[in-house]
Amino acid sequence: VEKINNENENKANKKASCDANIVKTGNNDWIIKIFNKGTANATNTIFKFLVDDAPVLLRYKEPIKLLEPQQRIDYHLITNLALSSENWEYEVTWENEDGTVDNKKGILTLPLT
């Protein structure tokens, strides 16, 4: 019984944990970082804004095949002055090594400084 409990704990501890944030890199220039802060690989990772009026990610192709633990991928964020908001709801979805699918939802804010 103890061996089964240890195996279940190891599986729970070895999960991917993906998220995203926006970083200002220059005057009117931002990147979005999609990252895995977990302890296992994330595969087939998909990032999407959940609102219509949102920035565009330059050269983003989904899914991201593999995000290893502590790895990130950066994309340039294309914005324009006509956007009605500086906050956008988003979702990141990924597949864990055990085949389960997880997701993270949140709100990204465009940093002004």
PDB file of N, CA and C in Angstrom:
ATOM      1  N   VAL A   1       0.831  -1.192   0.000  1.00  0.00           N
ATOM      2  CA  VAL A   1       0.000   0.000   0.000  1.00  0.00           C
ATOM      3  C   VAL A   1       0.875   1.255   0.000  1.00  0.00           C
ATOM      4  N   GLU A   2       1.964   1.220   0.760  1.00  0.00           N
ATOM      5  CA  GLU A   2       2.850   2.386   0.831  1.00  0.00           C
ATOM      6  C   GLU A   2       3.495   2.673  -0.524  1.00  0.00           C
ATOM      7  N   LYS A   3       3.845   1.611  -1.263  1.00  0.00           N
ATOM      8  CA  LYS A   3       4.454   1.784  -2.580  1.00  0.00           C
ATOM      9  C   LYS A   3       3.469   2.459  -3.541  1.00  0.00           C
ATOM     10  N   ILE A   4       2.195   2.069  -3.506  1.00  0.00           N
ATOM     11  CA  ILE A   4       1.174   2.685  -4.351  1.00  0.00           C
ATOM     12  C   ILE A   4       1.006   4.151  -3.996  1.00  0.00           C
ATOM     13  N   ASN A   5       0.984   4.458  -2.692  1.00  0.00           N
ATOM     14  CA  ASN A   5       0.867   5.852  -2.256  1.00  0.00           C
ATOM     15  C   ASN A   5       2.042   6.683  -2.747  1.00  0.00           C
ATOM     16  N   ASN A   6       3.257   6.132  -2.684  1.00  0.00           N
ATOM     17  CA  ASN A   6       4.443   6.847  -3.168  1.00  0.00           C
ATOM     18  C   ASN A   6       4.361   7.091  -4.667  1.00  0.00           C
ATOM     19  N   GLU A   7       3.889   6.092  -5.431  1.00  0.00           N
ATOM     20  CA  GLU A   7       3.740   6.261  -6.881  1.00  0.00           C
ATOM     21  C   GLU A   7       2.720   7.349  -7.194  1.00  0.00           C
ATOM     22  N   ASN A   8       1.604   7.375  -6.459  1.00  0.00           N
ATOM     23  CA  ASN A   8       0.584   8.414  -6.671  1.00  0.00           C
ATOM     24  C   ASN A   8       1.127   9.794  -6.317  1.00  0.00           C
ATOM     25  N   GLU A   9       1.913   9.895  -5.234  1.00  0.00           N
ATOM     26  CA  GLU A   9       2.522  11.180  -4.861  1.00  0.00           C
ATOM     27  C   GLU A   9       3.490  11.646  -5.937  1.00  0.00           C
ATOM     28  N   ASN A  10       4.300  10.722  -6.475  1.00  0.00           N
ATOM     29  CA  ASN A  10       5.258  11.088  -7.525  1.00  0.00           C
ATOM     30  C   ASN A  10       4.543  11.593  -8.763  1.00  0.00           C
ATOM     31  N   LYS A  11       3.437  10.963  -9.145  1.00  0.00           N
ATOM     32  CA  LYS A  11       2.676  11.420 -10.304  1.00  0.00           C
ATOM     33  C   LYS A  11       2.104  12.806 -10.057  1.00  0.00           C
ATOM     34  N   ALA A  12       1.601  13.043  -8.857  1.00  0.00           N
ATOM     35  CA  ALA A  12       1.032  14.354  -8.532  1.00  0.00           C
ATOM     36  C   ALA A  12       2.116  15.426  -8.521  1.00  0.00           C
ATOM     37  N   ASN A  13       3.307  15.074  -8.067  1.00  0.00           N
ATOM     38  CA  ASN A  13       4.404  16.039  -8.009  1.00  0.00           C
ATOM     39  C   ASN A  13       5.021  16.289  -9.371  1.00  0.00           C
ATOM     40  N   LYS A  14       4.830  15.387 -10.327  1.00  0.00           N
ATOM     41  CA  LYS A  14       5.407  15.540 -11.662  1.00  0.00           C
ATOM     42  C   LYS A  14       4.326  15.985 -12.631  1.00  0.00           C
ATOM     43  N   LYS A  15       3.960  17.237 -12.535  1.00  0.00           N
ATOM     44  CA  LYS A  15       2.956  17.804 -13.436  1.00  0.00           C
ATOM     45  C   LYS A  15       3.495  19.089 -14.021  1.00  0.00           C
ATOM     46  N   ALA A  16       3.024  19.382 -15.201  1.00  0.00           N
ATOM     47  CA  ALA A  16       3.340  20.674 -15.812  1.00  0.00           C
ATOM     48  C   ALA A  16       2.431  21.728 -15.179  1.00  0.00           C
ATOM     49  N   SER A  17       2.878  22.958 -15.217  1.00  0.00           N
ATOM     50  CA  SER A  17       2.085  24.082 -14.720  1.00  0.00           C
ATOM     51  C   SER A  17       2.393  25.280 -15.616  1.00  0.00           C
ATOM     52  N   CYS A  18       1.526  25.534 -16.572  1.00  0.00           N
ATOM     53  CA  CYS A  18       1.791  26.566 -17.572  1.00  0.00           C
ATOM     54  C   CYS A  18       1.035  27.852 -17.269  1.00  0.00           C
ATOM     55  N   ASP A  19       1.589  28.945 -17.740  1.00  0.00           N
ATOM     56  CA  ASP A  19       0.967  30.249 -17.554  1.00  0.00           C
ATOM     57  C   ASP A  19       1.563  31.210 -18.580  1.00  0.00           C
ATOM     58  N   ALA A  20       1.162  32.472 -18.509  1.00  0.00           N
ATOM     59  CA  ALA A  20       1.651  33.481 -19.449  1.00  0.00           C
ATOM     60  C   ALA A  20       1.709  34.832 -18.754  1.00  0.00           C
ATOM     61  N   ASN A  21       2.590  35.704 -19.240  1.00  0.00           N
ATOM     62  CA  ASN A  21       2.601  37.094 -18.798  1.00  0.00           C
ATOM     63  C   ASN A  21       3.129  37.985 -19.917  1.00  0.00           C
ATOM     64  N   ILE A  22       2.897  39.281 -19.766  1.00  0.00           N
ATOM     65  CA  ILE A  22       3.328  40.269 -20.756  1.00  0.00           C
ATOM     66  C   ILE A  22       4.427  41.124 -20.136  1.00  0.00           C
ATOM     67  N   VAL A  23       5.499  41.367 -20.916  1.00  0.00           N
ATOM     68  CA  VAL A  23       6.619  42.180 -20.456  1.00  0.00           C
ATOM     69  C   VAL A  23       6.880  43.266 -21.490  1.00  0.00           C
ATOM     70  N   LYS A  24       7.041  44.498 -21.019  1.00  0.00           N
ATOM     71  CA  LYS A  24       7.379  45.607 -21.918  1.00  0.00           C
ATOM     72  C   LYS A  24       8.877  45.565 -22.194  1.00  0.00           C
ATOM     73  N   THR A  25       9.238  45.605 -23.484  1.00  0.00           N
ATOM     74  CA  THR A  25      10.649  45.521 -23.860  1.00  0.00           C
ATOM     75  C   THR A  25      11.177  46.821 -24.459  1.00  0.00           C
ATOM     76  N   GLY A  26      10.306  47.759 -24.704  1.00  0.00           N
ATOM     77  CA  GLY A  26      10.720  49.033 -25.286  1.00  0.00           C
ATOM     78  C   GLY A  26       9.522  49.933 -25.440  1.00  0.00           C
ATOM     79  N   ASN A  27       9.733  51.059 -26.095  1.00  0.00           N
ATOM     80  CA  ASN A  27       8.658  52.005 -26.328  1.00  0.00           C
ATOM     81  C   ASN A  27       7.624  51.375 -27.266  1.00  0.00           C
ATOM     82  N   ASN A  28       6.416  51.153 -26.763  1.00  0.00           N
ATOM     83  CA  ASN A  28       5.342  50.509 -27.533  1.00  0.00           C
ATOM     84  C   ASN A  28       5.744  49.140 -28.072  1.00  0.00           C
ATOM     85  N   ASP A  29       6.538  48.395 -27.299  1.00  0.00           N
ATOM     86  CA  ASP A  29       6.987  47.068 -27.698  1.00  0.00           C
ATOM     87  C   ASP A  29       6.838  46.118 -26.509  1.00  0.00           C
ATOM     88  N   TRP A  30       6.085  45.025 -26.707  1.00  0.00           N
ATOM     89  CA  TRP A  30       5.838  44.065 -25.647  1.00  0.00           C
ATOM     90  C   TRP A  30       6.047  42.655 -26.161  1.00  0.00           C
ATOM     91  N   ILE A  31       6.378  41.741 -25.237  1.00  0.00           N
ATOM     92  CA  ILE A  31       6.404  40.318 -25.558  1.00  0.00           C
ATOM     93  C   ILE A  31       5.481  39.597 -24.580  1.00  0.00           C
ATOM     94  N   ILE A  32       4.950  38.479 -25.043  1.00  0.00           N
ATOM     95  CA  ILE A  32       4.192  37.608 -24.163  1.00  0.00           C
ATOM     96  C   ILE A  32       5.045  36.375 -23.936  1.00  0.00           C
ATOM     97  N   LYS A  33       5.166  35.987 -22.677  1.00  0.00           N
ATOM     98  CA  LYS A  33       5.954  34.819 -22.300  1.00  0.00           C
ATOM     99  C   LYS A  33       4.983  33.710 -21.922  1.00  0.00           C
ATOM    100  N   ILE A  34       5.086  32.580 -22.604  1.00  0.00           N
ATOM    101  CA  ILE A  34       4.300  31.399 -22.267  1.00  0.00           C
ATOM    102  C   ILE A  34       5.293  30.417 -21.662  1.00  0.00           C
ATOM    103  N   PHE A  35       5.032  29.974 -20.430  1.00  0.00           N
ATOM    104  CA  PHE A  35       6.046  29.208 -19.716  1.00  0.00           C
ATOM    105  C   PHE A  35       5.459  28.033 -18.948  1.00  0.00           C
ATOM    106  N   ASN A  36       6.346  27.100 -18.618  1.00  0.00           N
ATOM    107  CA  ASN A  36       6.012  25.931 -17.812  1.00  0.00           C
ATOM    108  C   ASN A  36       6.818  26.013 -16.528  1.00  0.00           C
ATOM    109  N   LYS A  37       6.147  26.297 -15.422  1.00  0.00           N
ATOM    110  CA  LYS A  37       6.835  26.381 -14.134  1.00  0.00           C
ATOM    111  C   LYS A  37       6.692  25.087 -13.336  1.00  0.00           C
ATOM    112  N   GLY A  38       6.217  24.041 -13.991  1.00  0.00           N
ATOM    113  CA  GLY A  38       6.011  22.759 -13.330  1.00  0.00           C
ATOM    114  C   GLY A  38       7.257  21.895 -13.317  1.00  0.00           C
ATOM    115  N   THR A  39       7.066  20.619 -12.933  1.00  0.00           N
ATOM    116  CA  THR A  39       8.181  19.676 -12.797  1.00  0.00           C
ATOM    117  C   THR A  39       8.150  18.591 -13.868  1.00  0.00           C
ATOM    118  N   ALA A  40       7.256  18.719 -14.841  1.00  0.00           N
ATOM    119  CA  ALA A  40       7.157  17.737 -15.917  1.00  0.00           C
ATOM    120  C   ALA A  40       6.923  18.457 -17.242  1.00  0.00           C
ATOM    121  N   ASN A  41       7.113  17.747 -18.331  1.00  0.00           N
ATOM    122  CA  ASN A  41       6.902  18.317 -19.658  1.00  0.00           C
ATOM    123  C   ASN A  41       5.432  18.645 -19.889  1.00  0.00           C
ATOM    124  N   ALA A  42       5.196  19.732 -20.624  1.00  0.00           N
ATOM    125  CA  ALA A  42       3.860  20.075 -21.117  1.00  0.00           C
ATOM    126  C   ALA A  42       3.909  19.914 -22.635  1.00  0.00           C
ATOM    127  N   THR A  43       2.935  19.210 -23.187  1.00  0.00           N
ATOM    128  CA  THR A  43       2.883  19.045 -24.631  1.00  0.00           C
ATOM    129  C   THR A  43       1.581  19.622 -25.158  1.00  0.00           C
ATOM    130  N   ASN A  44       1.594  19.929 -26.450  1.00  0.00           N
ATOM    131  CA  ASN A  44       0.406  20.457 -27.130  1.00  0.00           C
ATOM    132  C   ASN A  44      -0.205  21.649 -26.393  1.00  0.00           C
ATOM    133  N   THR A  45       0.647  22.579 -26.002  1.00  0.00           N
ATOM    134  CA  THR A  45       0.223  23.757 -25.254  1.00  0.00           C
ATOM    135  C   THR A  45      -0.412  24.764 -26.202  1.00  0.00           C
ATOM    136  N   ILE A  46      -1.570  25.276 -25.804  1.00  0.00           N
ATOM    137  CA  ILE A  46      -2.295  26.255 -26.609  1.00  0.00           C
ATOM    138  C   ILE A  46      -2.587  27.479 -25.749  1.00  0.00           C
ATOM    139  N   PHE A  47      -2.230  28.652 -26.274  1.00  0.00           N
ATOM    140  CA  PHE A  47      -2.562  29.927 -25.635  1.00  0.00           C
ATOM    141  C   PHE A  47      -3.636  30.599 -26.471  1.00  0.00           C
ATOM    142  N   LYS A  48      -4.633  31.174 -25.794  1.00  0.00           N
ATOM    143  CA  LYS A  48      -5.615  31.960 -26.542  1.00  0.00           C
ATOM    144  C   LYS A  48      -6.199  33.037 -25.646  1.00  0.00           C
ATOM    145  N   PHE A  49      -6.460  34.181 -26.277  1.00  0.00           N
ATOM    146  CA  PHE A  49      -7.230  35.222 -25.614  1.00  0.00           C
ATOM    147  C   PHE A  49      -8.689  34.822 -25.696  1.00  0.00           C
ATOM    148  N   LEU A  50      -9.449  35.097 -24.650  1.00  0.00           N
ATOM    149  CA  LEU A  50     -10.858  34.717 -24.601  1.00  0.00           C
ATOM    150  C   LEU A  50     -11.773  35.872 -24.967  1.00  0.00           C
ATOM    151  N   VAL A  51     -11.201  36.938 -25.501  1.00  0.00           N
ATOM    152  CA  VAL A  51     -11.976  38.104 -25.935  1.00  0.00           C
ATOM    153  C   VAL A  51     -11.621  38.409 -27.382  1.00  0.00           C
ATOM    154  N   ASP A  52     -12.529  39.045 -28.077  1.00  0.00           N
ATOM    155  CA  ASP A  52     -12.296  39.364 -29.497  1.00  0.00           C
ATOM    156  C   ASP A  52     -11.302  40.494 -29.687  1.00  0.00           C
ATOM    157  N   ASP A  53     -11.408  41.526 -28.873  1.00  0.00           N
ATOM    158  CA  ASP A  53     -10.587  42.721 -29.034  1.00  0.00           C
ATOM    159  C   ASP A  53      -9.288  42.578 -28.235  1.00  0.00           C
ATOM    160  N   ALA A  54      -8.357  41.769 -28.757  1.00  0.00           N
ATOM    161  CA  ALA A  54      -7.108  41.481 -28.043  1.00  0.00           C
ATOM    162  C   ALA A  54      -5.925  41.627 -28.994  1.00  0.00           C
ATOM    163  N   PRO A  55      -4.714  41.745 -28.433  1.00  0.00           N
ATOM    164  CA  PRO A  55      -3.523  41.823 -29.284  1.00  0.00           C
ATOM    165  C   PRO A  55      -3.316  40.532 -30.072  1.00  0.00           C
ATOM    166  N   VAL A  56      -2.389  40.593 -31.014  1.00  0.00           N
ATOM    167  CA  VAL A  56      -2.041  39.446 -31.849  1.00  0.00           C
ATOM    168  C   VAL A  56      -0.633  39.004 -31.479  1.00  0.00           C
ATOM    169  N   LEU A  57      -0.408  37.701 -31.431  1.00  0.00           N
ATOM    170  CA  LEU A  57       0.920  37.159 -31.180  1.00  0.00           C
ATOM    171  C   LEU A  57       1.604  36.919 -32.518  1.00  0.00           C
ATOM    172  N   LEU A  58       2.749  37.553 -32.714  1.00  0.00           N
ATOM    173  CA  LEU A  58       3.497  37.448 -33.969  1.00  0.00           C
ATOM    174  C   LEU A  58       4.170  36.079 -34.063  1.00  0.00           C
ATOM    175  N   ARG A  59       3.956  35.392 -35.173  1.00  0.00           N
ATOM    176  CA  ARG A  59       4.563  34.087 -35.483  1.00  0.00           C
ATOM    177  C   ARG A  59       4.150  32.975 -34.528  1.00  0.00           C
ATOM    178  N   TYR A  60       3.015  33.118 -33.856  1.00  0.00           N
ATOM    179  CA  TYR A  60       2.525  32.066 -32.954  1.00  0.00           C
ATOM    180  C   TYR A  60       1.838  30.981 -33.763  1.00  0.00           C
ATOM    181  N   LYS A  61       2.276  29.764 -33.553  1.00  0.00           N
ATOM    182  CA  LYS A  61       1.637  28.604 -34.189  1.00  0.00           C
ATOM    183  C   LYS A  61       1.243  27.643 -33.079  1.00  0.00           C
ATOM    184  N   GLU A  62      -0.001  27.178 -33.121  1.00  0.00           N
ATOM    185  CA  GLU A  62      -0.419  26.244 -32.086  1.00  0.00           C
ATOM    186  C   GLU A  62      -0.530  24.848 -32.653  1.00  0.00           C
ATOM    187  N   PRO A  63      -0.389  23.843 -31.855  1.00  0.00           N
ATOM    188  CA  PRO A  63       0.031  23.957 -30.458  1.00  0.00           C
ATOM    189  C   PRO A  63       1.549  24.076 -30.347  1.00  0.00           C
ATOM    190  N   ILE A  64       2.005  24.502 -29.182  1.00  0.00           N
ATOM    191  CA  ILE A  64       3.431  24.451 -28.868  1.00  0.00           C
ATOM    192  C   ILE A  64       3.691  22.984 -28.517  1.00  0.00           C
ATOM    193  N   LYS A  65       4.490  22.331 -29.315  1.00  0.00           N
ATOM    194  CA  LYS A  65       4.662  20.872 -29.183  1.00  0.00           C
ATOM    195  C   LYS A  65       5.188  20.456 -27.816  1.00  0.00           C
ATOM    196  N   LEU A  66       6.211  21.172 -27.295  1.00  0.00           N
ATOM    197  CA  LEU A  66       6.835  20.763 -26.044  1.00  0.00           C
ATOM    198  C   LEU A  66       7.323  21.983 -25.269  1.00  0.00           C
ATOM    199  N   LEU A  67       6.927  22.059 -24.014  1.00  0.00           N
ATOM    200  CA  LEU A  67       7.493  23.020 -23.061  1.00  0.00           C
ATOM    201  C   LEU A  67       8.052  22.195 -21.906  1.00  0.00           C
ATOM    202  N   GLU A  68       9.364  22.148 -21.807  1.00  0.00           N
ATOM    203  CA  GLU A  68       9.993  21.400 -20.725  1.00  0.00           C
ATOM    204  C   GLU A  68       9.864  22.179 -19.423  1.00  0.00           C
ATOM    205  N   PRO A  69      10.094  21.531 -18.271  1.00  0.00           N
ATOM    206  CA  PRO A  69      10.021  22.249 -16.995  1.00  0.00           C
ATOM    207  C   PRO A  69      10.951  23.467 -16.996  1.00  0.00           C
ATOM    208  N   GLN A  70      10.432  24.581 -16.530  1.00  0.00           N
ATOM    209  CA  GLN A  70      11.165  25.849 -16.414  1.00  0.00           C
ATOM    210  C   GLN A  70      11.512  26.466 -17.765  1.00  0.00           C
ATOM    211  N   GLN A  71      10.948  25.985 -18.843  1.00  0.00           N
ATOM    212  CA  GLN A  71      11.192  26.545 -20.177  1.00  0.00           C
ATOM    213  C   GLN A  71      10.103  27.555 -20.512  1.00  0.00           C
ATOM    214  N   ARG A  72      10.461  28.548 -21.335  1.00  0.00           N
ATOM    215  CA  ARG A  72       9.472  29.516 -21.804  1.00  0.00           C
ATOM    216  C   ARG A  72       9.706  29.794 -23.277  1.00  0.00           C
ATOM    217  N   ILE A  73       8.646  30.287 -23.906  1.00  0.00           N
ATOM    218  CA  ILE A  73       8.718  30.729 -25.293  1.00  0.00           C
ATOM    219  C   ILE A  73       8.147  32.137 -25.332  1.00  0.00           C
ATOM    220  N   ASP A  74       8.850  33.027 -26.010  1.00  0.00           N
ATOM    221  CA  ASP A  74       8.434  34.427 -26.105  1.00  0.00           C
ATOM    222  C   ASP A  74       7.925  34.737 -27.505  1.00  0.00           C
ATOM    223  N   TYR A  75       6.860  35.535 -27.563  1.00  0.00           N
ATOM    224  CA  TYR A  75       6.307  36.010 -28.834  1.00  0.00           C
ATOM    225  C   TYR A  75       6.117  37.517 -28.754  1.00  0.00           C
ATOM    226  N   HIS A  76       6.410  38.200 -29.842  1.00  0.00           N
ATOM    227  CA  HIS A  76       6.119  39.630 -29.895  1.00  0.00           C
ATOM    228  C   HIS A  76       4.612  39.827 -29.929  1.00  0.00           C
ATOM    229  N   LEU A  77       4.175  40.837 -29.230  1.00  0.00           N
ATOM    230  CA  LEU A  77       2.753  41.141 -29.120  1.00  0.00           C
ATOM    231  C   LEU A  77       2.461  42.359 -29.984  1.00  0.00           C
ATOM    232  N   ILE A  78       1.532  42.217 -30.916  1.00  0.00           N
ATOM    233  CA  ILE A  78       1.150  43.310 -31.797  1.00  0.00           C
ATOM    234  C   ILE A  78      -0.101  43.970 -31.215  1.00  0.00           C
ATOM    235  N   THR A  79       0.028  45.229 -30.858  1.00  0.00           N
ATOM    236  CA  THR A  79      -1.111  45.980 -30.324  1.00  0.00           C
ATOM    237  C   THR A  79      -1.344  47.182 -31.228  1.00  0.00           C
ATOM    238  N   ASN A  80      -2.509  47.774 -31.090  1.00  0.00           N
ATOM    239  CA  ASN A  80      -2.753  49.044 -31.780  1.00  0.00           C
ATOM    240  C   ASN A  80      -3.547  49.945 -30.859  1.00  0.00           C
ATOM    241  N   LEU A  81      -3.545  51.196 -31.153  1.00  0.00           N
ATOM    242  CA  LEU A  81      -4.180  52.174 -30.273  1.00  0.00           C
ATOM    243  C   LEU A  81      -5.698  52.050 -30.246  1.00  0.00           C
ATOM    244  N   ALA A  82      -6.257  51.306 -31.182  1.00  0.00           N
ATOM    245  CA  ALA A  82      -7.714  51.169 -31.238  1.00  0.00           C
ATOM    246  C   ALA A  82      -8.246  50.110 -30.273  1.00  0.00           C
ATOM    247  N   LEU A  83      -7.361  49.371 -29.608  1.00  0.00           N
ATOM    248  CA  LEU A  83      -7.835  48.372 -28.657  1.00  0.00           C
ATOM    249  C   LEU A  83      -8.614  49.063 -27.547  1.00  0.00           C
ATOM    250  N   SER A  84      -9.742  48.493 -27.189  1.00  0.00           N
ATOM    251  CA  SER A  84     -10.630  49.147 -26.221  1.00  0.00           C
ATOM    252  C   SER A  84     -10.223  48.881 -24.781  1.00  0.00           C
ATOM    253  N   SER A  85      -9.227  48.026 -24.564  1.00  0.00           N
ATOM    254  CA  SER A  85      -8.846  47.673 -23.203  1.00  0.00           C
ATOM    255  C   SER A  85      -7.352  47.415 -23.138  1.00  0.00           C
ATOM    256  N   GLU A  86      -6.821  47.448 -21.929  1.00  0.00           N
ATOM    257  CA  GLU A  86      -5.440  47.052 -21.698  1.00  0.00           C
ATOM    258  C   GLU A  86      -5.394  45.808 -20.821  1.00  0.00           C
ATOM    259  N   ASN A  87      -6.537  45.147 -20.652  1.00  0.00           N
ATOM    260  CA  ASN A  87      -6.664  43.908 -19.889  1.00  0.00           C
ATOM    261  C   ASN A  87      -7.421  42.892 -20.724  1.00  0.00           C
ATOM    262  N   TRP A  88      -6.894  41.652 -20.780  1.00  0.00           N
ATOM    263  CA  TRP A  88      -7.534  40.638 -21.608  1.00  0.00           C
ATOM    264  C   TRP A  88      -7.562  39.305 -20.878  1.00  0.00           C
ATOM    265  N   GLU A  89      -8.727  38.676 -20.885  1.00  0.00           N
ATOM    266  CA  GLU A  89      -8.860  37.339 -20.314  1.00  0.00           C
ATOM    267  C   GLU A  89      -8.206  36.341 -21.269  1.00  0.00           C
ATOM    268  N   TYR A  90      -7.515  35.344 -20.698  1.00  0.00           N
ATOM    269  CA  TYR A  90      -6.802  34.361 -21.511  1.00  0.00           C
ATOM    270  C   TYR A  90      -6.920  32.965 -20.900  1.00  0.00           C
ATOM    271  N   GLU A  91      -6.517  31.981 -21.704  1.00  0.00           N
ATOM    272  CA  GLU A  91      -6.466  30.599 -21.236  1.00  0.00           C
ATOM    273  C   GLU A  91      -5.257  29.907 -21.859  1.00  0.00           C
ATOM    274  N   VAL A  92      -4.555  29.147 -21.044  1.00  0.00           N
ATOM    275  CA  VAL A  92      -3.476  28.280 -21.514  1.00  0.00           C
ATOM    276  C   VAL A  92      -3.920  26.844 -21.218  1.00  0.00           C
ATOM    277  N   THR A  93      -3.860  25.982 -22.224  1.00  0.00           N
ATOM    278  CA  THR A  93      -4.236  24.582 -22.072  1.00  0.00           C
ATOM    279  C   THR A  93      -3.045  23.720 -22.481  1.00  0.00           C
ATOM    280  N   TRP A  94      -2.805  22.637 -21.747  1.00  0.00           N
ATOM    281  CA  TRP A  94      -1.683  21.756 -22.072  1.00  0.00           C
ATOM    282  C   TRP A  94      -1.999  20.326 -21.657  1.00  0.00           C
ATOM    283  N   GLU A  95      -1.191  19.415 -22.195  1.00  0.00           N
ATOM    284  CA  GLU A  95      -1.305  18.001 -21.865  1.00  0.00           C
ATOM    285  C   GLU A  95      -0.122  17.608 -20.987  1.00  0.00           C
ATOM    286  N   ASN A  96      -0.426  16.905 -19.884  1.00  0.00           N
ATOM    287  CA  ASN A  96       0.609  16.403 -18.981  1.00  0.00           C
ATOM    288  C   ASN A  96       1.188  15.105 -19.505  1.00  0.00           C
ATOM    289  N   GLU A  97       2.307  14.689 -18.926  1.00  0.00           N
ATOM    290  CA  GLU A  97       2.965  13.453 -19.349  1.00  0.00           C
ATOM    291  C   GLU A  97       2.072  12.229 -19.179  1.00  0.00           C
ATOM    292  N   ASP A  98       1.142  12.270 -18.207  1.00  0.00           N
ATOM    293  CA  ASP A  98       0.254  11.122 -17.983  1.00  0.00           C
ATOM    294  C   ASP A  98      -0.974  11.144 -18.891  1.00  0.00           C
ATOM    295  N   GLY A  99      -1.040  12.131 -19.797  1.00  0.00           N
ATOM    296  CA  GLY A  99      -2.141  12.207 -20.756  1.00  0.00           C
ATOM    297  C   GLY A  99      -3.302  13.079 -20.306  1.00  0.00           C
ATOM    298  N   THR A 100      -3.299  13.526 -19.062  1.00  0.00           N
ATOM    299  CA  THR A 100      -4.374  14.405 -18.604  1.00  0.00           C
ATOM    300  C   THR A 100      -4.179  15.804 -19.168  1.00  0.00           C
ATOM    301  N   VAL A 101      -5.275  16.530 -19.302  1.00  0.00           N
ATOM    302  CA  VAL A 101      -5.242  17.890 -19.844  1.00  0.00           C
ATOM    303  C   VAL A 101      -5.562  18.869 -18.708  1.00  0.00           C
ATOM    304  N   ASP A 102      -4.747  19.907 -18.604  1.00  0.00           N
ATOM    305  CA  ASP A 102      -4.964  20.956 -17.603  1.00  0.00           C
ATOM    306  C   ASP A 102      -5.078  22.299 -18.297  1.00  0.00           C
ATOM    307  N   ASN A 103      -5.577  23.279 -17.576  1.00  0.00           N
ATOM    308  CA  ASN A 103      -5.630  24.636 -18.118  1.00  0.00           C
ATOM    309  C   ASN A 103      -5.488  25.658 -17.007  1.00  0.00           C
ATOM    310  N   LYS A 104      -5.150  26.860 -17.409  1.00  0.00           N
ATOM    311  CA  LYS A 104      -5.016  28.004 -16.505  1.00  0.00           C
ATOM    312  C   LYS A 104      -5.676  29.187 -17.191  1.00  0.00           C
ATOM    313  N   LYS A 105      -6.589  29.834 -16.468  1.00  0.00           N
ATOM    314  CA  LYS A 105      -7.220  31.044 -16.982  1.00  0.00           C
ATOM    315  C   LYS A 105      -6.787  32.214 -16.115  1.00  0.00           C
ATOM    316  N   GLY A 106      -6.763  33.390 -16.727  1.00  0.00           N
ATOM    317  CA  GLY A 106      -6.402  34.578 -15.988  1.00  0.00           C
ATOM    318  C   GLY A 106      -6.643  35.821 -16.804  1.00  0.00           C
ATOM    319  N   ILE A 107      -6.130  36.936 -16.311  1.00  0.00           N
ATOM    320  CA  ILE A 107      -6.231  38.212 -17.004  1.00  0.00           C
ATOM    321  C   ILE A 107      -4.832  38.782 -17.161  1.00  0.00           C
ATOM    322  N   LEU A 108      -4.486  39.129 -18.391  1.00  0.00           N
ATOM    323  CA  LEU A 108      -3.207  39.761 -18.681  1.00  0.00           C
ATOM    324  C   LEU A 108      -3.416  41.256 -18.828  1.00  0.00           C
ATOM    325  N   THR A 109      -2.497  42.015 -18.278  1.00  0.00           N
ATOM    326  CA  THR A 109      -2.569  43.479 -18.348  1.00  0.00           C
ATOM    327  C   THR A 109      -1.337  43.985 -19.082  1.00  0.00           C
ATOM    328  N   LEU A 110      -1.549  44.912 -19.976  1.00  0.00           N
ATOM    329  CA  LEU A 110      -0.458  45.516 -20.735  1.00  0.00           C
ATOM    330  C   LEU A 110       0.329  46.459 -19.808  1.00  0.00           C
ATOM    331  N   PRO A 111       1.595  46.143 -19.511  1.00  0.00           N
ATOM    332  CA  PRO A 111       2.377  47.042 -18.655  1.00  0.00           C
ATOM    333  C   PRO A 111       2.709  48.324 -19.397  1.00  0.00           C
ATOM    334  N   LEU A 112       2.474  49.453 -18.754  1.00  0.00           N
ATOM    335  CA  LEU A 112       2.704  50.743 -19.410  1.00  0.00           C
ATOM    336  C   LEU A 112       4.084  51.312 -19.106  1.00  0.00           C
ATOM    337  N   THR A 113       4.763  50.797 -18.081  1.00  0.00           N
ATOM    338  CA  THR A 113       6.108  51.294 -17.772  1.00  0.00           C
ATOM    339  C   THR A 113       7.108  50.173 -17.724  1.00  0.00           C
TER     340      THR A 113
END
